Amino acid sequence: DRLPPRYLGARVRLVLKDGRDATAEVLAASGHAGNPLSFDQVADKIRKLLAGVAPPVDVEALVAQTAQLPHHTVATIMRCVRPVAPD
């Protein structure tokens, strides 16, 4: 397609055994500037991506700092990514 980079979507066409077909197209994929994620979706993505990483990260602190963007610097947010001290 000639759509990228303005649009980064997808087109799916299903053809059923009985001959029926259906096509769906999304021009702006989830997370694209044309279809941005909500903060809750971003927070869920952070939690999923960092679940079970070693060494552990203070994920909730990272989510809280991310909620404060752009009022924090990257340096402030990166402090949350430092390993959590063992108990």
C-alpha atoms as a PDB file:
ATOM      1  CA  ASP A   1       0.000   0.000   0.000  1.00  0.00           C
ATOM      2  CA  ARG A   2       0.900   3.632  -0.338  1.00  0.00           C
ATOM      3  CA  LEU A   3      -0.655   4.429   3.044  1.00  0.00           C
ATOM      4  CA  PRO A   4       2.432   4.329   5.346  1.00  0.00           C
ATOM      5  CA  PRO A   5       3.839   6.284   7.028  1.00  0.00           C
ATOM      6  CA  ARG A   6       0.806   8.540   7.376  1.00  0.00           C
ATOM      7  CA  TYR A   7      -1.382   5.549   8.197  1.00  0.00           C
ATOM      8  CA  LEU A   8      -0.140   2.388   9.873  1.00  0.00           C
ATOM      9  CA  GLY A   9      -3.232   0.271   9.873  1.00  0.00           C
ATOM     10  CA  ALA A  10      -4.376  -3.072   8.651  1.00  0.00           C
ATOM     11  CA  ARG A  11      -6.813  -4.595   6.209  1.00  0.00           C
ATOM     12  CA  VAL A  12      -8.320  -8.052   6.709  1.00  0.00           C
ATOM     13  CA  ARG A  13     -10.445  -9.985   4.241  1.00  0.00           C
ATOM     14  CA  LEU A  14     -12.217 -13.187   5.234  1.00  0.00           C
ATOM     15  CA  VAL A  15     -13.682 -15.529   2.665  1.00  0.00           C
ATOM     16  CA  LEU A  16     -15.947 -18.182   4.153  1.00  0.00           C
ATOM     17  CA  LYS A  17     -16.418 -21.670   2.736  1.00  0.00           C
ATOM     18  CA  ASP A  18     -19.931 -20.741   1.610  1.00  0.00           C
ATOM     19  CA  GLY A  19     -18.526 -17.904  -0.532  1.00  0.00           C
ATOM     20  CA  ARG A  20     -19.441 -14.999   1.717  1.00  0.00           C
ATOM     21  CA  ASP A  21     -16.670 -12.543   2.385  1.00  0.00           C
ATOM     22  CA  ALA A  22     -16.079  -9.619   4.669  1.00  0.00           C
ATOM     23  CA  THR A  23     -13.386  -6.958   4.696  1.00  0.00           C
ATOM     24  CA  ALA A  24     -12.416  -4.670   7.554  1.00  0.00           C
ATOM     25  CA  GLU A  25      -9.866  -1.905   7.494  1.00  0.00           C
ATOM     26  CA  VAL A  26      -8.341   0.211  10.238  1.00  0.00           C
ATOM     27  CA  LEU A  27      -6.239   3.104   8.959  1.00  0.00           C
ATOM     28  CA  ALA A  28      -4.666   4.064  12.261  1.00  0.00           C
ATOM     29  CA  ALA A  29      -3.509   1.174  14.413  1.00  0.00           C
ATOM     30  CA  SER A  30      -4.058   1.353  18.143  1.00  0.00           C
ATOM     31  CA  GLY A  31      -1.384   3.633  19.582  1.00  0.00           C
ATOM     32  CA  HIS A  32      -0.875   5.548  16.330  1.00  0.00           C
ATOM     33  CA  ALA A  33      -1.215   9.337  16.450  1.00  0.00           C
ATOM     34  CA  GLY A  34      -4.527   8.972  14.634  1.00  0.00           C
ATOM     35  CA  ASN A  35      -5.797   6.478  17.212  1.00  0.00           C
ATOM     36  CA  PRO A  36      -3.914   7.190  20.469  1.00  0.00           C
ATOM     37  CA  LEU A  37      -4.045   4.954  23.521  1.00  0.00           C
ATOM     38  CA  SER A  38      -5.834   6.180  26.624  1.00  0.00           C
ATOM     39  CA  PHE A  39      -3.737   6.575  29.757  1.00  0.00           C
ATOM     40  CA  ASP A  40      -5.280   3.392  31.197  1.00  0.00           C
ATOM     41  CA  GLN A  41      -4.206   1.499  28.054  1.00  0.00           C
ATOM     42  CA  VAL A  42      -0.669   2.899  28.377  1.00  0.00           C
ATOM     43  CA  ALA A  43      -0.568   1.940  32.070  1.00  0.00           C
ATOM     44  CA  ASP A  44      -1.766  -1.594  31.263  1.00  0.00           C
ATOM     45  CA  LYS A  45       0.907  -1.880  28.571  1.00  0.00           C
ATOM     46  CA  ILE A  46       3.611  -0.772  31.027  1.00  0.00           C
ATOM     47  CA  ARG A  47       2.414  -3.335  33.576  1.00  0.00           C
ATOM     48  CA  LYS A  48       2.319  -6.159  31.016  1.00  0.00           C
ATOM     49  CA  LEU A  49       5.696  -5.349  29.491  1.00  0.00           C
ATOM     50  CA  LEU A  50       7.424  -5.192  32.875  1.00  0.00           C
ATOM     51  CA  ALA A  51       5.656  -8.105  34.575  1.00  0.00           C
ATOM     52  CA  GLY A  52       8.218 -10.572  35.818  1.00  0.00           C
ATOM     53  CA  VAL A  53      11.299  -8.731  34.573  1.00  0.00           C
ATOM     54  CA  ALA A  54      14.513  -9.352  36.437  1.00  0.00           C
ATOM     55  CA  PRO A  55      15.639  -7.415  38.303  1.00  0.00           C
ATOM     56  CA  PRO A  56      12.191  -6.240  39.426  1.00  0.00           C
ATOM     57  CA  VAL A  57      11.053  -2.696  38.701  1.00  0.00           C
ATOM     58  CA  ASP A  58       8.702  -0.502  40.755  1.00  0.00           C
ATOM     59  CA  VAL A  59       6.027  -0.655  38.068  1.00  0.00           C
ATOM     60  CA  GLU A  60       3.380   1.297  39.981  1.00  0.00           C
ATOM     61  CA  ALA A  61       5.834   4.139  40.618  1.00  0.00           C
ATOM     62  CA  LEU A  62       6.632   4.134  36.910  1.00  0.00           C
ATOM     63  CA  VAL A  63       2.929   4.288  36.036  1.00  0.00           C
ATOM     64  CA  ALA A  64       2.425   7.156  38.528  1.00  0.00           C
ATOM     65  CA  GLN A  65       5.369   9.093  37.074  1.00  0.00           C
ATOM     66  CA  THR A  66       4.129   8.471  33.543  1.00  0.00           C
ATOM     67  CA  ALA A  67       0.769   9.964  34.560  1.00  0.00           C
ATOM     68  CA  GLN A  68       2.612  13.182  35.361  1.00  0.00           C
ATOM     69  CA  LEU A  69       4.165  13.612  31.921  1.00  0.00           C
ATOM     70  CA  PRO A  70       5.245  16.117  30.667  1.00  0.00           C
ATOM     71  CA  HIS A  71       5.853  17.590  34.138  1.00  0.00           C
ATOM     72  CA  HIS A  72       8.665  15.131  34.908  1.00  0.00           C
ATOM     73  CA  THR A  73      11.922  14.633  33.098  1.00  0.00           C
ATOM     74  CA  VAL A  74      13.018  11.323  31.641  1.00  0.00           C
ATOM     75  CA  ALA A  75      15.644  11.200  34.418  1.00  0.00           C
ATOM     76  CA  THR A  76      12.881  11.297  37.045  1.00  0.00           C
ATOM     77  CA  ILE A  77      10.996   8.500  35.348  1.00  0.00           C
ATOM     78  CA  MET A  78      14.137   6.396  34.859  1.00  0.00           C
ATOM     79  CA  ARG A  79      14.695   6.354  38.637  1.00  0.00           C
ATOM     80  CA  CYS A  80      11.589   4.143  38.802  1.00  0.00           C
ATOM     81  CA  VAL A  81      13.207   1.650  36.461  1.00  0.00           C
ATOM     82  CA  ARG A  82      16.149   1.013  38.775  1.00  0.00           C
ATOM     83  CA  PRO A  83      15.941  -2.377  40.460  1.00  0.00           C
ATOM     84  CA  VAL A  84      13.833  -2.606  43.600  1.00  0.00           C
ATOM     85  CA  ALA A  85      15.915  -3.358  46.695  1.00  0.00           C
ATOM     86  CA  PRO A  86      15.330  -6.905  48.002  1.00  0.00           C
ATOM     87  CA  ASP A  87      13.329  -7.296  51.208  1.00  0.00           C
END
